[in-house]
């Protein structure tokens, strides 16, 4: 992929950068950040610099990422337990004595 120079407006500042990433994808990411900045409210815009706004948004995004990572781990653990339990039930049903519990 070739490197190109793009400009992104984020938190009231324009950032020119050389990238080899998809420009539309980066614009979508900038839009998400700008939505987060806007959600901070007008007082934040009056009192904070673009750098401070970006720091607050970065902390919020990091918190979201961490919560999502924990949620994904929880879902993975629950899925693993369900599969292990399902295999155990299948093994019991297929036991040579034919009893549902594997106990006879």
PDB file of N, CA and C in Angstrom:
ATOM      1  N   UNK A   1       0.838  -1.164   0.000  1.00  0.00           N
ATOM      2  CA  UNK A   1       0.000   0.000   0.000  1.00  0.00           C
ATOM      3  C   UNK A   1       0.891   1.238   0.000  1.00  0.00           C
ATOM      4  N   UNK A   2       0.465   2.277  -0.677  1.00  0.00           N
ATOM      5  CA  UNK A   2       1.272   3.478  -0.743  1.00  0.00           C
ATOM      6  C   UNK A   2       0.879   4.450   0.359  1.00  0.00           C
ATOM      7  N   UNK A   3       1.844   5.222   0.786  1.00  0.00           N
ATOM      8  CA  UNK A   3       1.608   6.215   1.824  1.00  0.00           C
ATOM      9  C   UNK A   3       1.045   7.481   1.191  1.00  0.00           C
ATOM     10  N   UNK A   4       0.047   8.060   1.861  1.00  0.00           N
ATOM     11  CA  UNK A   4      -0.518   9.320   1.384  1.00  0.00           C
ATOM     12  C   UNK A   4      -0.702  10.244   2.572  1.00  0.00           C
ATOM     13  N   UNK A   5      -0.809  11.522   2.303  1.00  0.00           N
ATOM     14  CA  UNK A   5      -1.025  12.506   3.349  1.00  0.00           C
ATOM     15  C   UNK A   5      -2.503  12.838   3.406  1.00  0.00           C
ATOM     16  N   UNK A   6      -3.047  12.743   4.613  1.00  0.00           N
ATOM     17  CA  UNK A   6      -4.453  13.091   4.806  1.00  0.00           C
ATOM     18  C   UNK A   6      -4.555  14.081   5.958  1.00  0.00           C
ATOM     19  N   UNK A   7      -5.697  14.756   6.021  1.00  0.00           N
ATOM     20  CA  UNK A   7      -5.986  15.662   7.131  1.00  0.00           C
ATOM     21  C   UNK A   7      -7.242  15.165   7.834  1.00  0.00           C
ATOM     22  N   UNK A   8      -7.161  15.098   9.137  1.00  0.00           N
ATOM     23  CA  UNK A   8      -8.309  14.708   9.949  1.00  0.00           C
ATOM     24  C   UNK A   8      -8.578  15.808  10.959  1.00  0.00           C
ATOM     25  N   UNK A   9      -9.836  16.205  11.053  1.00  0.00           N
ATOM     26  CA  UNK A   9     -10.242  17.175  12.064  1.00  0.00           C
ATOM     27  C   UNK A   9     -10.746  16.401  13.271  1.00  0.00           C
ATOM     28  N   UNK A  10     -10.025  16.562  14.379  1.00  0.00           N
ATOM     29  CA  UNK A  10     -10.361  15.831  15.601  1.00  0.00           C
ATOM     30  C   UNK A  10     -10.305  16.801  16.772  1.00  0.00           C
ATOM     31  N   UNK A  11     -11.397  16.878  17.503  1.00  0.00           N
ATOM     32  CA  UNK A  11     -11.477  17.696  18.719  1.00  0.00           C
ATOM     33  C   UNK A  11     -11.112  19.157  18.451  1.00  0.00           C
ATOM     34  N   UNK A  12     -11.515  19.653  17.304  1.00  0.00           N
ATOM     35  CA  UNK A  12     -11.274  21.058  16.988  1.00  0.00           C
ATOM     36  C   UNK A  12      -9.889  21.371  16.458  1.00  0.00           C
ATOM     37  N   UNK A  13      -9.093  20.376  16.224  1.00  0.00           N
ATOM     38  CA  UNK A  13      -7.761  20.584  15.666  1.00  0.00           C
ATOM     39  C   UNK A  13      -7.623  19.746  14.396  1.00  0.00           C
ATOM     40  N   UNK A  14      -6.817  20.240  13.476  1.00  0.00           N
ATOM     41  CA  UNK A  14      -6.571  19.509  12.235  1.00  0.00           C
ATOM     42  C   UNK A  14      -5.225  18.817  12.332  1.00  0.00           C
ATOM     43  N   UNK A  15      -5.242  17.538  12.021  1.00  0.00           N
ATOM     44  CA  UNK A  15      -4.030  16.721  12.074  1.00  0.00           C
ATOM     45  C   UNK A  15      -3.726  16.219  10.673  1.00  0.00           C
ATOM     46  N   UNK A  16      -2.566  16.591  10.175  1.00  0.00           N
ATOM     47  CA  UNK A  16      -2.101  16.064   8.894  1.00  0.00           C
ATOM     48  C   UNK A  16      -1.178  14.897   9.197  1.00  0.00           C
ATOM     49  N   UNK A  17      -1.393  13.807   8.499  1.00  0.00           N
ATOM     50  CA  UNK A  17      -0.570  12.634   8.767  1.00  0.00           C
ATOM     51  C   UNK A  17      -0.335  11.839   7.498  1.00  0.00           C
ATOM     52  N   UNK A  18       0.799  11.196   7.473  1.00  0.00           N
ATOM     53  CA  UNK A  18       1.139  10.285   6.384  1.00  0.00           C
ATOM     54  C   UNK A  18       0.706   8.895   6.813  1.00  0.00           C
ATOM     55  N   UNK A  19      -0.153   8.287   5.997  1.00  0.00           N
ATOM     56  CA  UNK A  19      -0.707   6.995   6.369  1.00  0.00           C
ATOM     57  C   UNK A  19      -0.711   6.050   5.179  1.00  0.00           C
ATOM     58  N   UNK A  20      -0.740   4.765   5.496  1.00  0.00           N
ATOM     59  CA  UNK A  20      -0.956   3.756   4.455  1.00  0.00           C
ATOM     60  C   UNK A  20      -2.268   3.020   4.720  1.00  0.00           C
ATOM     61  N   UNK A  21      -3.039   3.531   5.671  1.00  0.00           N
ATOM     62  CA  UNK A  21      -4.332   2.928   6.013  1.00  0.00           C
ATOM     63  C   UNK A  21      -5.425   3.510   5.117  1.00  0.00           C
ATOM     64  N   UNK A  22      -6.574   2.844   5.144  1.00  0.00           N
ATOM     65  CA  UNK A  22      -7.721   3.293   4.365  1.00  0.00           C
ATOM     66  C   UNK A  22      -8.217   4.636   4.910  1.00  0.00           C
ATOM     67  N   UNK A  23      -8.277   5.626   4.055  1.00  0.00           N
ATOM     68  CA  UNK A  23      -8.654   6.975   4.478  1.00  0.00           C
ATOM     69  C   UNK A  23     -10.083   7.021   5.027  1.00  0.00           C
ATOM     70  N   UNK A  24     -11.003   6.340   4.384  1.00  0.00           N
ATOM     71  CA  UNK A  24     -12.392   6.349   4.856  1.00  0.00           C
ATOM     72  C   UNK A  24     -12.512   5.717   6.246  1.00  0.00           C
ATOM     73  N   UNK A  25     -11.738   4.683   6.487  1.00  0.00           N
ATOM     74  CA  UNK A  25     -11.745   4.053   7.815  1.00  0.00           C
ATOM     75  C   UNK A  25     -11.234   5.034   8.867  1.00  0.00           C
ATOM     76  N   UNK A  26     -10.154   5.734   8.560  1.00  0.00           N
ATOM     77  CA  UNK A  26      -9.607   6.708   9.505  1.00  0.00           C
ATOM     78  C   UNK A  26     -10.587   7.850   9.743  1.00  0.00           C
ATOM     79  N   UNK A  27     -11.292   8.275   8.700  1.00  0.00           N
ATOM     80  CA  UNK A  27     -12.290   9.328   8.866  1.00  0.00           C
ATOM     81  C   UNK A  27     -13.423   8.856   9.770  1.00  0.00           C
ATOM     82  N   UNK A  28     -13.808   7.603   9.641  1.00  0.00           N
ATOM     83  CA  UNK A  28     -14.851   7.045  10.518  1.00  0.00           C
ATOM     84  C   UNK A  28     -14.368   7.015  11.966  1.00  0.00           C
ATOM     85  N   UNK A  29     -13.120   6.638  12.180  1.00  0.00           N
ATOM     86  CA  UNK A  29     -12.565   6.640  13.531  1.00  0.00           C
ATOM     87  C   UNK A  29     -12.532   8.056  14.097  1.00  0.00           C
ATOM     88  N   UNK A  30     -12.130   9.021  13.277  1.00  0.00           N
ATOM     89  CA  UNK A  30     -12.114  10.418  13.718  1.00  0.00           C
ATOM     90  C   UNK A  30     -13.529  10.878  14.069  1.00  0.00           C
ATOM     91  N   UNK A  31     -14.506  10.442  13.303  1.00  0.00           N
ATOM     92  CA  UNK A  31     -15.899  10.784  13.576  1.00  0.00           C
ATOM     93  C   UNK A  31     -16.335  10.243  14.940  1.00  0.00           C
ATOM     94  N   UNK A  32     -15.926   9.013  15.241  1.00  0.00           N
ATOM     95  CA  UNK A  32     -16.259   8.417  16.541  1.00  0.00           C
ATOM     96  C   UNK A  32     -15.637   9.233  17.673  1.00  0.00           C
ATOM     97  N   UNK A  33     -14.380   9.619  17.499  1.00  0.00           N
ATOM     98  CA  UNK A  33     -13.710  10.426  18.518  1.00  0.00           C
ATOM     99  C   UNK A  33     -14.426  11.765  18.668  1.00  0.00           C
ATOM    100  N   UNK A  34     -14.785  12.391  17.552  1.00  0.00           N
ATOM    101  CA  UNK A  34     -15.475  13.678  17.610  1.00  0.00           C
ATOM    102  C   UNK A  34     -16.844  13.548  18.282  1.00  0.00           C
ATOM    103  N   UNK A  35     -17.523  12.447  18.065  1.00  0.00           N
ATOM    104  CA  UNK A  35     -18.797  12.211  18.752  1.00  0.00           C
ATOM    105  C   UNK A  35     -18.584  12.108  20.255  1.00  0.00           C
ATOM    106  N   UNK A  36     -17.504  11.442  20.641  1.00  0.00           N
ATOM    107  CA  UNK A  36     -17.180  11.323  22.066  1.00  0.00           C
ATOM    108  C   UNK A  36     -16.827  12.690  22.656  1.00  0.00           C
ATOM    109  N   UNK A  37     -16.084  13.478  21.896  1.00  0.00           N
ATOM    110  CA  UNK A  37     -15.726  14.823  22.360  1.00  0.00           C
ATOM    111  C   UNK A  37     -16.997  15.649  22.539  1.00  0.00           C
ATOM    112  N   UNK A  38     -17.902  15.582  21.566  1.00  0.00           N
ATOM    113  CA  UNK A  38     -19.145  16.340  21.649  1.00  0.00           C
ATOM    114  C   UNK A  38     -19.963  15.897  22.859  1.00  0.00           C
ATOM    115  N   UNK A  39     -19.931  14.626  23.183  1.00  0.00           N
ATOM    116  CA  UNK A  39     -20.687  14.098  24.315  1.00  0.00           C
ATOM    117  C   UNK A  39     -20.163  14.623  25.656  1.00  0.00           C
ATOM    118  N   UNK A  40     -18.944  15.151  25.669  1.00  0.00           N
ATOM    119  CA  UNK A  40     -18.397  15.708  26.908  1.00  0.00           C
ATOM    120  C   UNK A  40     -19.126  16.992  27.305  1.00  0.00           C
ATOM    121  N   UNK A  41     -19.775  17.622  26.349  1.00  0.00           N
ATOM    122  CA  UNK A  41     -20.583  18.796  26.628  1.00  0.00           C
ATOM    123  C   UNK A  41     -19.864  20.111  26.411  1.00  0.00           C
ATOM    124  N   UNK A  42     -20.637  21.187  26.370  1.00  0.00           N
ATOM    125  CA  UNK A  42     -20.070  22.501  26.066  1.00  0.00           C
ATOM    126  C   UNK A  42     -19.097  23.019  27.124  1.00  0.00           C
ATOM    127  N   UNK A  43     -19.322  22.676  28.381  1.00  0.00           N
ATOM    128  CA  UNK A  43     -18.393  23.142  29.420  1.00  0.00           C
ATOM    129  C   UNK A  43     -16.992  22.584  29.192  1.00  0.00           C
ATOM    130  N   UNK A  44     -16.921  21.338  28.788  1.00  0.00           N
ATOM    131  CA  UNK A  44     -15.610  20.735  28.520  1.00  0.00           C
ATOM    132  C   UNK A  44     -14.917  21.473  27.386  1.00  0.00           C
ATOM    133  N   UNK A  45     -15.671  21.855  26.372  1.00  0.00           N
ATOM    134  CA  UNK A  45     -15.083  22.564  25.231  1.00  0.00           C
ATOM    135  C   UNK A  45     -14.580  23.946  25.632  1.00  0.00           C
ATOM    136  N   UNK A  46     -15.253  24.577  26.577  1.00  0.00           N
ATOM    137  CA  UNK A  46     -14.856  25.909  27.011  1.00  0.00           C
ATOM    138  C   UNK A  46     -13.618  25.879  27.891  1.00  0.00           C
ATOM    139  N   UNK A  47     -13.485  24.823  28.656  1.00  0.00           N
ATOM    140  CA  UNK A  47     -12.423  24.780  29.670  1.00  0.00           C
ATOM    141  C   UNK A  47     -11.206  23.951  29.273  1.00  0.00           C
ATOM    142  N   UNK A  48     -11.367  23.059  28.325  1.00  0.00           N
ATOM    143  CA  UNK A  48     -10.282  22.117  28.020  1.00  0.00           C
ATOM    144  C   UNK A  48      -9.655  22.423  26.664  1.00  0.00           C
ATOM    145  N   UNK A  49      -8.388  22.106  26.564  1.00  0.00           N
ATOM    146  CA  UNK A  49      -7.689  22.208  25.282  1.00  0.00           C
ATOM    147  C   UNK A  49      -8.028  20.968  24.455  1.00  0.00           C
ATOM    148  N   UNK A  50      -7.765  21.018  23.147  1.00  0.00           N
ATOM    149  CA  UNK A  50      -7.973  19.803  22.350  1.00  0.00           C
ATOM    150  C   UNK A  50      -7.224  18.598  22.913  1.00  0.00           C
ATOM    151  N   UNK A  51      -6.042  18.820  23.424  1.00  0.00           N
ATOM    152  CA  UNK A  51      -5.261  17.720  23.996  1.00  0.00           C
ATOM    153  C   UNK A  51      -5.964  17.142  25.215  1.00  0.00           C
ATOM    154  N   UNK A  52      -6.505  17.985  26.071  1.00  0.00           N
ATOM    155  CA  UNK A  52      -7.226  17.505  27.249  1.00  0.00           C
ATOM    156  C   UNK A  52      -8.504  16.769  26.848  1.00  0.00           C
ATOM    157  N   UNK A  53      -9.200  17.302  25.847  1.00  0.00           N
ATOM    158  CA  UNK A  53     -10.402  16.628  25.354  1.00  0.00           C
ATOM    159  C   UNK A  53     -10.056  15.239  24.835  1.00  0.00           C
ATOM    160  N   UNK A  54      -8.965  15.167  24.070  1.00  0.00           N
ATOM    161  CA  UNK A  54      -8.553  13.873  23.524  1.00  0.00           C
ATOM    162  C   UNK A  54      -8.129  12.919  24.632  1.00  0.00           C
ATOM    163  N   UNK A  55      -7.507  13.433  25.673  1.00  0.00           N
ATOM    164  CA  UNK A  55      -7.115  12.573  26.795  1.00  0.00           C
ATOM    165  C   UNK A  55      -8.359  12.000  27.472  1.00  0.00           C
ATOM    166  N   UNK A  56      -9.396  12.817  27.668  1.00  0.00           N
ATOM    167  CA  UNK A  56     -10.628  12.326  28.287  1.00  0.00           C
ATOM    168  C   UNK A  56     -11.295  11.280  27.403  1.00  0.00           C
ATOM    169  N   UNK A  57     -11.321  11.534  26.100  1.00  0.00           N
ATOM    170  CA  UNK A  57     -11.922  10.569  25.179  1.00  0.00           C
ATOM    171  C   UNK A  57     -11.101   9.283  25.159  1.00  0.00           C
ATOM    172  N   UNK A  58      -9.779   9.415  25.155  1.00  0.00           N
ATOM    173  CA  UNK A  58      -8.920   8.223  25.158  1.00  0.00           C
ATOM    174  C   UNK A  58      -9.175   7.379  26.400  1.00  0.00           C
ATOM    175  N   UNK A  59      -9.332   8.015  27.553  1.00  0.00           N
ATOM    176  CA  UNK A  59      -9.624   7.269  28.775  1.00  0.00           C
ATOM    177  C   UNK A  59     -10.971   6.567  28.676  1.00  0.00           C
ATOM    178  N   UNK A  60     -11.959   7.246  28.113  1.00  0.00           N
ATOM    179  CA  UNK A  60     -13.270   6.630  27.939  1.00  0.00           C
ATOM    180  C   UNK A  60     -13.220   5.442  26.992  1.00  0.00           C
ATOM    181  N   UNK A  61     -12.492   5.602  25.893  1.00  0.00           N
ATOM    182  CA  UNK A  61     -12.363   4.499  24.937  1.00  0.00           C
ATOM    183  C   UNK A  61     -11.593   3.332  25.552  1.00  0.00           C
ATOM    184  N   UNK A  62     -10.559   3.637  26.326  1.00  0.00           N
ATOM    185  CA  UNK A  62      -9.796   2.578  26.984  1.00  0.00           C
ATOM    186  C   UNK A  62     -10.674   1.835  27.991  1.00  0.00           C
ATOM    187  N   UNK A  63     -11.509   2.579  28.712  1.00  0.00           N
ATOM    188  CA  UNK A  63     -12.427   1.955  29.663  1.00  0.00           C
ATOM    189  C   UNK A  63     -13.417   1.057  28.926  1.00  0.00           C
ATOM    190  N   UNK A  64     -13.967   1.551  27.822  1.00  0.00           N
ATOM    191  CA  UNK A  64     -14.884   0.733  27.016  1.00  0.00           C
ATOM    192  C   UNK A  64     -14.200  -0.535  26.528  1.00  0.00           C
ATOM    193  N   UNK A  65     -12.960  -0.398  26.074  1.00  0.00           N
ATOM    194  CA  UNK A  65     -12.202  -1.545  25.567  1.00  0.00           C
ATOM    195  C   UNK A  65     -11.993  -2.567  26.687  1.00  0.00           C
ATOM    196  N   UNK A  66     -11.616  -2.081  27.855  1.00  0.00           N
ATOM    197  CA  UNK A  66     -11.372  -2.983  28.977  1.00  0.00           C
ATOM    198  C   UNK A  66     -12.658  -3.710  29.383  1.00  0.00           C
ATOM    199  N   UNK A  67     -13.760  -2.983  29.462  1.00  0.00           N
ATOM    200  CA  UNK A  67     -15.035  -3.617  29.796  1.00  0.00           C
ATOM    201  C   UNK A  67     -15.428  -4.646  28.746  1.00  0.00           C
ATOM    202  N   UNK A  68     -15.218  -4.327  27.486  1.00  0.00           N
ATOM    203  CA  UNK A  68     -15.553  -5.262  26.411  1.00  0.00           C
ATOM    204  C   UNK A  68     -14.649  -6.493  26.465  1.00  0.00           C
ATOM    205  N   UNK A  69     -13.395  -6.285  26.781  1.00  0.00           N
ATOM    206  CA  UNK A  69     -12.464  -7.404  26.910  1.00  0.00           C
ATOM    207  C   UNK A  69     -12.899  -8.333  28.047  1.00  0.00           C
ATOM    208  N   UNK A  70     -13.304  -7.744  29.169  1.00  0.00           N
ATOM    209  CA  UNK A  70     -13.778  -8.540  30.302  1.00  0.00           C
ATOM    210  C   UNK A  70     -15.066  -9.269  29.941  1.00  0.00           C
ATOM    211  N   UNK A  71     -15.971  -8.603  29.219  1.00  0.00           N
ATOM    212  CA  UNK A  71     -17.221  -9.231  28.794  1.00  0.00           C
ATOM    213  C   UNK A  71     -16.935 -10.400  27.853  1.00  0.00           C
ATOM    214  N   UNK A  72     -16.016 -10.190  26.909  1.00  0.00           N
ATOM    215  CA  UNK A  72     -15.661 -11.259  25.973  1.00  0.00           C
ATOM    216  C   UNK A  72     -15.063 -12.450  26.721  1.00  0.00           C
ATOM    217  N   UNK A  73     -14.244 -12.188  27.732  1.00  0.00           N
ATOM    218  CA  UNK A  73     -13.657 -13.270  28.532  1.00  0.00           C
ATOM    219  C   UNK A  73     -14.741 -14.026  29.281  1.00  0.00           C
ATOM    220  N   UNK A  74     -15.701 -13.296  29.811  1.00  0.00           N
ATOM    221  CA  UNK A  74     -16.810 -13.924  30.527  1.00  0.00           C
ATOM    222  C   UNK A  74     -17.628 -14.809  29.590  1.00  0.00           C
ATOM    223  N   UNK A  75     -17.913 -14.309  28.390  1.00  0.00           N
ATOM    224  CA  UNK A  75     -18.666 -15.100  27.411  1.00  0.00           C
ATOM    225  C   UNK A  75     -17.856 -16.329  27.002  1.00  0.00           C
ATOM    226  N   UNK A  76     -16.559 -16.142  26.805  1.00  0.00           N
ATOM    227  CA  UNK A  76     -15.697 -17.270  26.439  1.00  0.00           C
ATOM    228  C   UNK A  76     -15.689 -18.327  27.539  1.00  0.00           C
ATOM    229  N   UNK A  77     -15.570 -17.900  28.789  1.00  0.00           N
ATOM    230  CA  UNK A  77     -15.573 -18.842  29.909  1.00  0.00           C
ATOM    231  C   UNK A  77     -16.909 -19.586  30.005  1.00  0.00           C
ATOM    232  N   UNK A  78     -18.008 -18.854  29.857  1.00  0.00           N
ATOM    233  CA  UNK A  78     -19.333 -19.490  29.926  1.00  0.00           C
ATOM    234  C   UNK A  78     -19.512 -20.475  28.779  1.00  0.00           C
ATOM    235  N   UNK A  79     -19.036 -20.119  27.602  1.00  0.00           N
ATOM    236  CA  UNK A  79     -19.133 -21.019  26.452  1.00  0.00           C
ATOM    237  C   UNK A  79     -18.298 -22.270  26.678  1.00  0.00           C
ATOM    238  N   UNK A  80     -17.098 -22.082  27.198  1.00  0.00           N
ATOM    239  CA  UNK A  80     -16.224 -23.223  27.474  1.00  0.00           C
ATOM    240  C   UNK A  80     -16.881 -24.170  28.485  1.00  0.00           C
ATOM    241  N   UNK A  81     -17.466 -23.604  29.551  1.00  0.00           N
ATOM    242  CA  UNK A  81     -18.148 -24.438  30.553  1.00  0.00           C
ATOM    243  C   UNK A  81     -19.325 -25.182  29.926  1.00  0.00           C
ATOM    244  N   UNK A  82     -20.094 -24.497  29.076  1.00  0.00           N
ATOM    245  CA  UNK A  82     -21.252 -25.135  28.432  1.00  0.00           C
ATOM    246  C   UNK A  82     -20.813 -26.275  27.533  1.00  0.00           C
ATOM    247  N   UNK A  83     -19.719 -26.092  26.786  1.00  0.00           N
ATOM    248  CA  UNK A  83     -19.223 -27.148  25.904  1.00  0.00           C
ATOM    249  C   UNK A  83     -18.720 -28.331  26.722  1.00  0.00           C
ATOM    250  N   UNK A  84     -17.977 -28.054  27.782  1.00  0.00           N
ATOM    251  CA  UNK A  84     -17.469 -29.129  28.642  1.00  0.00           C
ATOM    252  C   UNK A  84     -18.640 -29.904  29.241  1.00  0.00           C
ATOM    253  N   UNK A  85     -19.654 -29.202  29.712  1.00  0.00           N
ATOM    254  CA  UNK A  85     -20.831 -29.874  30.287  1.00  0.00           C
ATOM    255  C   UNK A  85     -21.574 -30.686  29.231  1.00  0.00           C
ATOM    256  N   UNK A  86     -21.702 -30.129  28.026  1.00  0.00           N
ATOM    257  CA  UNK A  86     -22.389 -30.857  26.948  1.00  0.00           C
ATOM    258  C   UNK A  86     -21.627 -32.123  26.583  1.00  0.00           C
ATOM    259  N   UNK A  87     -20.320 -32.036  26.504  1.00  0.00           N
ATOM    260  CA  UNK A  87     -19.510 -33.222  26.189  1.00  0.00           C
ATOM    261  C   UNK A  87     -19.652 -34.257  27.299  1.00  0.00           C
ATOM    262  N   UNK A  88     -19.666 -33.811  28.547  1.00  0.00           N
ATOM    263  CA  UNK A  88     -19.830 -34.749  29.669  1.00  0.00           C
ATOM    264  C   UNK A  88     -21.185 -35.443  29.589  1.00  0.00           C
ATOM    265  N   UNK A  89     -22.234 -34.698  29.244  1.00  0.00           N
ATOM    266  CA  UNK A  89     -23.563 -35.320  29.113  1.00  0.00           C
ATOM    267  C   UNK A  89     -23.576 -36.320  27.961  1.00  0.00           C
ATOM    268  N   UNK A  90     -22.951 -35.974  26.864  1.00  0.00           N
ATOM    269  CA  UNK A  90     -22.879 -36.901  25.717  1.00  0.00           C
ATOM    270  C   UNK A  90     -22.118 -38.154  26.106  1.00  0.00           C
ATOM    271  N   UNK A  91     -20.982 -37.969  26.788  1.00  0.00           N
ATOM    272  CA  UNK A  91     -20.192 -39.129  27.240  1.00  0.00           C
ATOM    273  C   UNK A  91     -21.015 -40.039  28.145  1.00  0.00           C
ATOM    274  N   UNK A  92     -21.794 -39.424  29.052  1.00  0.00           N
ATOM    275  CA  UNK A  92     -22.625 -40.238  29.941  1.00  0.00           C
ATOM    276  C   UNK A  92     -23.681 -41.005  29.152  1.00  0.00           C
ATOM    277  N   UNK A  93     -24.276 -40.369  28.173  1.00  0.00           N
ATOM    278  CA  UNK A  93     -25.301 -41.040  27.352  1.00  0.00           C
ATOM    279  C   UNK A  93     -24.710 -42.169  26.526  1.00  0.00           C
ATOM    280  N   UNK A  94     -23.462 -42.008  26.127  1.00  0.00           N
ATOM    281  CA  UNK A  94     -22.811 -43.029  25.299  1.00  0.00           C
ATOM    282  C   UNK A  94     -22.069 -44.075  26.129  1.00  0.00           C
ATOM    283  N   UNK A  95     -22.179 -43.977  27.428  1.00  0.00           N
ATOM    284  CA  UNK A  95     -21.493 -44.931  28.306  1.00  0.00           C
ATOM    285  C   UNK A  95     -21.960 -46.349  27.984  1.00  0.00           C
ATOM    286  N   UNK A  96     -21.070 -47.337  28.105  1.00  0.00           N
ATOM    287  CA  UNK A  96     -21.410 -48.713  27.747  1.00  0.00           C
ATOM    288  C   UNK A  96     -22.617 -49.270  28.489  1.00  0.00           C
ATOM    289  N   UNK A  97     -22.849 -48.844  29.707  1.00  0.00           N
ATOM    290  CA  UNK A  97     -23.990 -49.384  30.445  1.00  0.00           C
ATOM    291  C   UNK A  97     -25.310 -48.751  30.010  1.00  0.00           C
ATOM    292  N   UNK A  98     -25.241 -47.691  29.207  1.00  0.00           N
ATOM    293  CA  UNK A  98     -26.433 -47.092  28.632  1.00  0.00           C
ATOM    294  C   UNK A  98     -27.234 -46.249  29.586  1.00  0.00           C
ATOM    295  N   UNK A  99     -26.766 -46.105  30.830  1.00  0.00           N
ATOM    296  CA  UNK A  99     -27.528 -45.299  31.779  1.00  0.00           C
ATOM    297  C   UNK A  99     -27.305 -43.818  31.500  1.00  0.00           C
ATOM    298  N   UNK A 100     -28.316 -42.976  31.702  1.00  0.00           N
ATOM    299  CA  UNK A 100     -28.178 -41.551  31.432  1.00  0.00           C
ATOM    300  C   UNK A 100     -27.107 -40.882  32.282  1.00  0.00           C
ATOM    301  N   UNK A 101     -26.874 -41.389  33.465  1.00  0.00           N
ATOM    302  CA  UNK A 101     -25.889 -40.783  34.351  1.00  0.00           C
ATOM    303  C   UNK A 101     -24.511 -41.418  34.241  1.00  0.00           C
ATOM    304  N   UNK A 102     -24.428 -42.534  33.575  1.00  0.00           N
ATOM    305  CA  UNK A 102     -23.173 -43.269  33.548  1.00  0.00           C
ATOM    306  C   UNK A 102     -22.993 -44.095  34.794  1.00  0.00           C
ATOM    307  N   UNK A 103     -23.967 -44.037  35.714  1.00  0.00           N
ATOM    308  CA  UNK A 103     -23.922 -44.822  36.951  1.00  0.00           C
ATOM    309  C   UNK A 103     -24.942 -45.943  36.846  1.00  0.00           C
ATOM    310  N   UNK A 104     -24.576 -47.117  37.212  1.00  0.00           N
ATOM    311  CA  UNK A 104     -25.542 -48.236  37.196  1.00  0.00           C
ATOM    312  C   UNK A 104     -25.329 -49.114  38.388  1.00  0.00           C
TER     313      UNK A 104
END
